[in-house]
Amino acid sequence: MEFKHLVDIAEKWSSGNPFDLIATEEANERRLDFYAEPGLSFYVLCPDMNGGADNFHVWSESEDCLPFLQLAQDYISSCGKKTLLEILNKVFSSFKPLLGLPDADDDDAFTDHRADVEEGPEAEHQQMGVSQQ
């Protein structure tokens, strides 16, 4: 994919969240740099279809940010090709706790799971109580 097209995707993505695309470099690394307050930064190395890397790579020069990129790094290394947009969304999801944003997907899953757990034991307890009488 042309680097210009990747930059367009990154600019559109960053317009909908706290991260800004602060730098792009095509000559050596095909690199996209992102930054958000409070001091969160990461970059994406884009694959070069004319040789070189065939997968995206995410990294940060900030040691505080690196642990939060692990989810995205695991996602990239999992089976199948990933798009830039999929990777950026995974990075954003990883950084939500640092940005002070709720992770709606995890909250919904936790709420549903918690509701099942709360209803299950109560129902069993009531049945046990009835059968004991």
N, C-alpha and C. Protein backbone atom coordinates (compact mmCIF):
# COMPACT_ATOMS: atom_id res chain seq x y z
N MET A 1 0.84 -1.17 0.00
CA MET A 1 0.00 0.00 0.00
C MET A 1 0.89 1.24 0.00
N GLU A 2 0.50 2.22 -0.75
CA GLU A 2 1.26 3.47 -0.80
C GLU A 2 1.28 4.13 0.57
N PHE A 3 2.42 4.71 0.91
CA PHE A 3 2.57 5.35 2.21
C PHE A 3 1.59 6.51 2.36
N LYS A 4 1.35 7.24 1.30
CA LYS A 4 0.42 8.37 1.35
C LYS A 4 -0.97 7.91 1.80
N HIS A 5 -1.39 6.75 1.32
CA HIS A 5 -2.69 6.20 1.71
C HIS A 5 -2.69 5.84 3.20
N LEU A 6 -1.59 5.29 3.69
CA LEU A 6 -1.48 4.97 5.12
C LEU A 6 -1.53 6.23 5.97
N VAL A 7 -0.89 7.29 5.51
CA VAL A 7 -0.93 8.57 6.22
C VAL A 7 -2.37 9.10 6.27
N ASP A 8 -3.09 8.98 5.17
CA ASP A 8 -4.49 9.42 5.14
C ASP A 8 -5.33 8.65 6.15
N ILE A 9 -5.12 7.34 6.24
CA ILE A 9 -5.84 6.51 7.21
C ILE A 9 -5.51 6.96 8.63
N ALA A 10 -4.22 7.20 8.89
CA ALA A 10 -3.78 7.62 10.23
C ALA A 10 -4.35 8.98 10.61
N GLU A 11 -4.39 9.91 9.65
CA GLU A 11 -4.95 11.24 9.93
C GLU A 11 -6.44 11.15 10.24
N LYS A 12 -7.15 10.35 9.49
CA LYS A 12 -8.58 10.19 9.72
C LYS A 12 -8.82 9.54 11.09
N TRP A 13 -8.04 8.52 11.42
CA TRP A 13 -8.16 7.84 12.71
C TRP A 13 -7.90 8.81 13.86
N SER A 14 -6.84 9.59 13.74
CA SER A 14 -6.47 10.49 14.85
C SER A 14 -7.47 11.63 15.03
N SER A 15 -8.28 11.91 14.02
CA SER A 15 -9.28 12.97 14.17
C SER A 15 -10.43 12.54 15.08
N GLY A 16 -10.55 11.24 15.35
CA GLY A 16 -11.65 10.76 16.17
C GLY A 16 -11.26 10.32 17.56
N ASN A 17 -10.04 10.63 17.99
CA ASN A 17 -9.60 10.25 19.33
C ASN A 17 -8.53 11.21 19.83
N PRO A 18 -8.04 11.04 21.07
CA PRO A 18 -7.08 12.00 21.63
C PRO A 18 -5.68 11.99 20.99
N PHE A 19 -5.36 10.99 20.19
CA PHE A 19 -4.03 10.92 19.60
C PHE A 19 -3.93 11.80 18.36
N ASP A 20 -2.81 12.50 18.26
CA ASP A 20 -2.50 13.30 17.07
C ASP A 20 -1.39 12.62 16.30
N LEU A 21 -1.50 12.63 14.99
CA LEU A 21 -0.42 12.19 14.13
C LEU A 21 0.56 13.34 14.07
N ILE A 22 1.73 13.17 14.71
CA ILE A 22 2.64 14.31 14.83
C ILE A 22 3.79 14.27 13.83
N ALA A 23 4.06 13.11 13.24
CA ALA A 23 5.14 13.04 12.27
C ALA A 23 4.96 11.82 11.38
N THR A 24 5.42 11.96 10.15
CA THR A 24 5.45 10.83 9.23
C THR A 24 6.81 10.83 8.55
N GLU A 25 7.30 9.65 8.26
CA GLU A 25 8.58 9.55 7.57
C GLU A 25 8.54 8.36 6.64
N GLU A 26 8.67 8.62 5.36
CA GLU A 26 8.61 7.55 4.38
C GLU A 26 9.99 7.08 3.94
N ALA A 27 10.96 7.96 3.93
CA ALA A 27 12.26 7.67 3.32
C ALA A 27 12.94 6.43 3.89
N ASN A 28 13.10 6.34 5.19
CA ASN A 28 13.85 5.23 5.76
C ASN A 28 12.97 4.14 6.38
N GLU A 29 11.98 4.54 7.17
CA GLU A 29 11.25 3.55 7.97
C GLU A 29 9.76 3.41 7.66
N ARG A 30 9.19 4.29 6.88
CA ARG A 30 7.73 4.32 6.70
C ARG A 30 7.08 4.33 8.08
N ARG A 31 7.34 5.40 8.81
CA ARG A 31 6.98 5.52 10.22
C ARG A 31 5.92 6.59 10.43
N LEU A 32 4.94 6.26 11.31
CA LEU A 32 3.89 7.19 11.71
C LEU A 32 4.01 7.38 13.21
N ASP A 33 4.18 8.62 13.67
CA ASP A 33 4.33 8.93 15.09
C ASP A 33 3.06 9.58 15.63
N PHE A 34 2.64 9.11 16.80
CA PHE A 34 1.41 9.60 17.44
C PHE A 34 1.72 10.08 18.85
N TYR A 35 0.93 11.07 19.31
CA TYR A 35 1.10 11.62 20.65
C TYR A 35 -0.24 12.03 21.22
N ALA A 36 -0.42 11.80 22.51
CA ALA A 36 -1.62 12.28 23.22
C ALA A 36 -1.20 12.68 24.63
N GLU A 37 -1.90 13.66 25.16
CA GLU A 37 -1.70 14.02 26.58
C GLU A 37 -2.30 12.91 27.42
N PRO A 38 -1.74 12.53 28.50
CA PRO A 38 -0.64 13.12 29.26
C PRO A 38 0.71 12.45 28.95
N GLY A 39 1.31 12.79 27.84
CA GLY A 39 2.64 12.29 27.50
C GLY A 39 2.66 10.88 26.94
N LEU A 40 1.61 10.47 26.26
CA LEU A 40 1.57 9.14 25.67
C LEU A 40 2.03 9.22 24.22
N SER A 41 2.96 8.36 23.86
CA SER A 41 3.44 8.37 22.48
C SER A 41 3.71 6.95 22.01
N PHE A 42 3.54 6.75 20.73
CA PHE A 42 3.89 5.49 20.11
C PHE A 42 4.10 5.74 18.63
N TYR A 43 4.72 4.79 17.98
CA TYR A 43 4.85 4.90 16.53
C TYR A 43 4.56 3.55 15.89
N VAL A 44 4.20 3.63 14.63
CA VAL A 44 3.90 2.44 13.84
C VAL A 44 4.86 2.42 12.66
N LEU A 45 5.55 1.29 12.51
CA LEU A 45 6.36 1.07 11.32
C LEU A 45 5.49 0.30 10.34
N CYS A 46 5.34 0.84 9.15
CA CYS A 46 4.46 0.25 8.15
C CYS A 46 5.26 -0.66 7.22
N PRO A 47 4.66 -1.78 6.83
CA PRO A 47 5.37 -2.70 5.94
C PRO A 47 5.63 -2.07 4.57
N ASP A 48 6.73 -2.48 3.99
CA ASP A 48 7.09 -2.03 2.66
C ASP A 48 6.83 -3.21 1.72
N MET A 49 5.87 -3.06 0.86
CA MET A 49 5.49 -4.17 -0.01
C MET A 49 6.56 -4.50 -1.06
N ASN A 50 7.57 -3.65 -1.18
CA ASN A 50 8.65 -3.89 -2.13
C ASN A 50 9.85 -4.52 -1.45
N GLY A 51 9.61 -5.41 -0.54
CA GLY A 51 10.69 -6.01 0.22
C GLY A 51 10.66 -5.49 1.64
N GLY A 52 11.56 -5.92 2.44
CA GLY A 52 11.61 -5.47 3.84
C GLY A 52 10.53 -6.14 4.66
N ALA A 53 10.06 -5.47 5.68
CA ALA A 53 9.08 -6.03 6.61
C ALA A 53 7.74 -6.24 5.92
N ASP A 54 7.04 -7.30 6.34
CA ASP A 54 5.72 -7.54 5.77
C ASP A 54 4.61 -7.37 6.78
N ASN A 55 4.95 -7.00 8.00
CA ASN A 55 3.96 -6.73 9.04
C ASN A 55 4.18 -5.35 9.64
N PHE A 56 3.12 -4.81 10.20
CA PHE A 56 3.24 -3.56 10.94
C PHE A 56 3.98 -3.85 12.24
N HIS A 57 4.53 -2.81 12.84
CA HIS A 57 5.20 -2.94 14.13
C HIS A 57 4.87 -1.69 14.94
N VAL A 58 4.49 -1.88 16.21
CA VAL A 58 4.23 -0.73 17.09
C VAL A 58 5.27 -0.71 18.19
N TRP A 59 5.65 0.50 18.59
CA TRP A 59 6.65 0.65 19.63
C TRP A 59 6.53 2.05 20.21
N SER A 60 7.18 2.26 21.34
CA SER A 60 7.22 3.58 21.95
C SER A 60 8.61 3.81 22.50
N GLU A 61 9.04 5.05 22.43
CA GLU A 61 10.32 5.41 23.04
C GLU A 61 10.15 5.72 24.52
N SER A 62 8.91 5.72 24.98
CA SER A 62 8.61 5.94 26.39
C SER A 62 8.44 4.59 27.09
N GLU A 63 9.27 4.32 28.08
CA GLU A 63 9.19 3.06 28.81
C GLU A 63 7.85 2.92 29.54
N ASP A 64 7.22 4.02 29.90
CA ASP A 64 5.92 3.97 30.57
C ASP A 64 4.82 3.47 29.63
N CYS A 65 4.98 3.70 28.34
CA CYS A 65 3.96 3.31 27.37
C CYS A 65 4.12 1.87 26.88
N LEU A 66 5.33 1.35 26.94
CA LEU A 66 5.59 0.03 26.36
C LEU A 66 4.68 -1.08 26.88
N PRO A 67 4.44 -1.18 28.20
CA PRO A 67 3.57 -2.28 28.67
C PRO A 67 2.17 -2.23 28.07
N PHE A 68 1.69 -1.04 27.77
CA PHE A 68 0.35 -0.90 27.22
C PHE A 68 0.29 -1.26 25.74
N LEU A 69 1.44 -1.32 25.10
CA LEU A 69 1.48 -1.70 23.69
C LEU A 69 1.55 -3.21 23.50
N GLN A 70 1.73 -3.95 24.58
CA GLN A 70 1.87 -5.39 24.48
C GLN A 70 0.65 -6.04 23.81
N LEU A 71 -0.54 -5.59 24.15
CA LEU A 71 -1.75 -6.14 23.55
C LEU A 71 -1.74 -5.97 22.04
N ALA A 72 -1.36 -4.78 21.58
CA ALA A 72 -1.31 -4.52 20.14
C ALA A 72 -0.20 -5.33 19.48
N GLN A 73 0.93 -5.47 20.15
CA GLN A 73 2.03 -6.26 19.59
C GLN A 73 1.62 -7.72 19.45
N ASP A 74 0.94 -8.25 20.46
CA ASP A 74 0.45 -9.63 20.39
C ASP A 74 -0.55 -9.78 19.25
N TYR A 75 -1.41 -8.80 19.11
CA TYR A 75 -2.43 -8.81 18.06
C TYR A 75 -1.77 -8.84 16.68
N ILE A 76 -0.74 -8.03 16.48
CA ILE A 76 -0.05 -7.97 15.19
C ILE A 76 0.62 -9.31 14.88
N SER A 77 1.21 -9.93 15.90
CA SER A 77 1.93 -11.18 15.66
C SER A 77 1.02 -12.40 15.55
N SER A 78 -0.27 -12.23 15.87
CA SER A 78 -1.20 -13.34 15.73
C SER A 78 -1.44 -13.61 14.24
N CYS A 79 -2.07 -14.71 13.96
CA CYS A 79 -2.29 -15.14 12.58
C CYS A 79 -3.05 -14.10 11.76
N GLY A 80 -2.70 -14.04 10.50
CA GLY A 80 -3.44 -13.18 9.58
C GLY A 80 -2.86 -11.79 9.46
N LYS A 81 -3.06 -11.21 8.30
CA LYS A 81 -2.63 -9.83 8.04
C LYS A 81 -3.58 -8.87 8.73
N LYS A 82 -3.04 -7.81 9.26
CA LYS A 82 -3.82 -6.78 9.93
C LYS A 82 -3.74 -5.49 9.13
N THR A 83 -4.80 -4.71 9.18
CA THR A 83 -4.78 -3.40 8.53
C THR A 83 -4.26 -2.36 9.53
N LEU A 84 -3.84 -1.24 9.01
CA LEU A 84 -3.39 -0.14 9.87
C LEU A 84 -4.50 0.29 10.81
N LEU A 85 -5.71 0.40 10.30
CA LEU A 85 -6.83 0.82 11.13
C LEU A 85 -7.10 -0.16 12.27
N GLU A 86 -7.03 -1.45 12.01
CA GLU A 86 -7.22 -2.45 13.07
C GLU A 86 -6.15 -2.30 14.15
N ILE A 87 -4.94 -2.07 13.73
CA ILE A 87 -3.83 -1.93 14.68
C ILE A 87 -3.98 -0.66 15.50
N LEU A 88 -4.30 0.44 14.86
CA LEU A 88 -4.49 1.70 15.59
C LEU A 88 -5.63 1.58 16.60
N ASN A 89 -6.70 0.91 16.23
CA ASN A 89 -7.81 0.71 17.16
C ASN A 89 -7.40 -0.15 18.34
N LYS A 90 -6.56 -1.14 18.12
CA LYS A 90 -6.08 -2.00 19.20
C LYS A 90 -5.16 -1.19 20.13
N VAL A 91 -4.31 -0.35 19.57
CA VAL A 91 -3.44 0.51 20.39
C VAL A 91 -4.29 1.46 21.22
N PHE A 92 -5.28 2.09 20.61
CA PHE A 92 -6.16 3.01 21.32
C PHE A 92 -6.84 2.30 22.49
N SER A 93 -7.33 1.11 22.23
CA SER A 93 -7.99 0.32 23.27
C SER A 93 -7.01 0.02 24.42
N SER A 94 -5.76 -0.25 24.08
CA SER A 94 -4.74 -0.54 25.10
C SER A 94 -4.43 0.68 25.97
N PHE A 95 -4.51 1.86 25.38
CA PHE A 95 -4.17 3.09 26.10
C PHE A 95 -5.36 3.70 26.85
N LYS A 96 -6.55 3.17 26.68
CA LYS A 96 -7.73 3.77 27.33
C LYS A 96 -7.55 3.99 28.83
N PRO A 97 -6.99 3.05 29.58
CA PRO A 97 -6.81 3.31 31.03
C PRO A 97 -5.93 4.53 31.30
N LEU A 98 -4.89 4.73 30.51
CA LEU A 98 -4.00 5.88 30.71
C LEU A 98 -4.66 7.19 30.29
N LEU A 99 -5.60 7.10 29.36
CA LEU A 99 -6.30 8.28 28.89
C LEU A 99 -7.50 8.62 29.78
N GLY A 100 -7.79 7.74 30.75
CA GLY A 100 -8.92 7.95 31.64
C GLY A 100 -10.25 7.67 30.97
N LEU A 101 -10.23 6.83 29.94
CA LEU A 101 -11.46 6.51 29.21
C LEU A 101 -11.93 5.11 29.57
N PRO A 102 -13.23 4.91 29.66
CA PRO A 102 -13.72 3.55 29.92
C PRO A 102 -13.56 2.70 28.66
N ASP A 103 -13.30 1.44 28.85
CA ASP A 103 -13.23 0.51 27.73
C ASP A 103 -14.60 -0.14 27.62
N ALA A 104 -15.44 0.36 26.75
CA ALA A 104 -16.84 -0.08 26.65
C ALA A 104 -16.95 -1.57 26.38
N ASP A 105 -16.09 -2.11 25.56
CA ASP A 105 -16.16 -3.54 25.26
C ASP A 105 -15.93 -4.37 26.50
N ASP A 106 -14.88 -4.04 27.26
CA ASP A 106 -14.58 -4.79 28.47
C ASP A 106 -15.65 -4.57 29.53
N ASP A 107 -16.15 -3.34 29.65
CA ASP A 107 -17.17 -3.05 30.65
C ASP A 107 -18.44 -3.85 30.36
N ASP A 108 -18.84 -3.92 29.09
CA ASP A 108 -20.04 -4.67 28.73
C ASP A 108 -19.85 -6.15 29.03
N ALA A 109 -18.69 -6.68 28.68
CA ALA A 109 -18.44 -8.09 28.92
C ALA A 109 -18.43 -8.37 30.42
N PHE A 110 -17.82 -7.48 31.19
CA PHE A 110 -17.77 -7.68 32.64
C PHE A 110 -19.16 -7.56 33.23
N THR A 111 -19.95 -6.61 32.79
CA THR A 111 -21.31 -6.43 33.30
C THR A 111 -22.16 -7.66 33.01
N ASP A 112 -22.09 -8.15 31.77
CA ASP A 112 -22.87 -9.34 31.41
C ASP A 112 -22.44 -10.53 32.24
N HIS A 113 -21.14 -10.70 32.38
CA HIS A 113 -20.62 -11.83 33.15
C HIS A 113 -21.04 -11.70 34.62
N ARG A 114 -20.90 -10.51 35.15
CA ARG A 114 -21.24 -10.28 36.55
C ARG A 114 -22.73 -10.52 36.78
N ALA A 115 -23.57 -10.11 35.84
CA ALA A 115 -25.01 -10.31 35.98
C ALA A 115 -25.33 -11.80 36.00
N ASP A 116 -24.67 -12.56 35.14
CA ASP A 116 -24.90 -14.01 35.13
C ASP A 116 -24.46 -14.64 36.44
N VAL A 117 -23.33 -14.19 36.96
CA VAL A 117 -22.81 -14.74 38.21
C VAL A 117 -23.74 -14.39 39.36
N GLU A 118 -24.25 -13.17 39.40
CA GLU A 118 -25.13 -12.75 40.49
C GLU A 118 -26.45 -13.51 40.45
N GLU A 119 -27.00 -13.70 39.26
CA GLU A 119 -28.28 -14.38 39.15
C GLU A 119 -28.15 -15.88 39.39
N GLY A 120 -27.06 -16.47 38.92
CA GLY A 120 -26.87 -17.92 39.03
C GLY A 120 -26.88 -18.40 40.46
N PRO A 121 -26.00 -17.92 41.32
CA PRO A 121 -25.95 -18.40 42.70
C PRO A 121 -27.24 -18.12 43.47
N GLU A 122 -27.87 -16.96 43.23
CA GLU A 122 -29.11 -16.66 43.93
C GLU A 122 -30.19 -17.68 43.55
N ALA A 123 -30.28 -17.98 42.28
CA ALA A 123 -31.29 -18.95 41.83
C ALA A 123 -31.02 -20.31 42.45
N GLU A 124 -29.73 -20.72 42.46
CA GLU A 124 -29.39 -22.01 43.05
C GLU A 124 -29.69 -22.00 44.55
N HIS A 125 -29.35 -20.90 45.21
CA HIS A 125 -29.56 -20.80 46.64
C HIS A 125 -31.05 -20.90 46.97
N GLN A 126 -31.88 -20.22 46.21
CA GLN A 126 -33.33 -20.30 46.43
C GLN A 126 -33.82 -21.72 46.21
N GLN A 127 -33.33 -22.36 45.18
CA GLN A 127 -33.77 -23.73 44.94
C GLN A 127 -33.32 -24.66 46.06
N MET A 128 -32.09 -24.44 46.53
CA MET A 128 -31.60 -25.26 47.63
C MET A 128 -32.44 -25.03 48.86
N GLY A 129 -32.80 -23.79 49.12
CA GLY A 129 -33.60 -23.47 50.28
C GLY A 129 -34.99 -24.11 50.20
N VAL A 130 -35.55 -24.09 49.02
CA VAL A 130 -36.88 -24.68 48.82
C VAL A 130 -36.82 -26.19 49.01
N SER A 131 -35.78 -26.81 48.48
CA SER A 131 -35.70 -28.28 48.57
C SER A 131 -35.42 -28.74 50.00
N GLN A 132 -34.83 -27.87 50.82
CA GLN A 132 -34.53 -28.23 52.19
C GLN A 132 -35.78 -28.17 53.06
N GLN A 133 -36.78 -27.41 52.65
CA GLN A 133 -37.96 -27.25 53.48
C GLN A 133 -38.86 -28.39 53.39
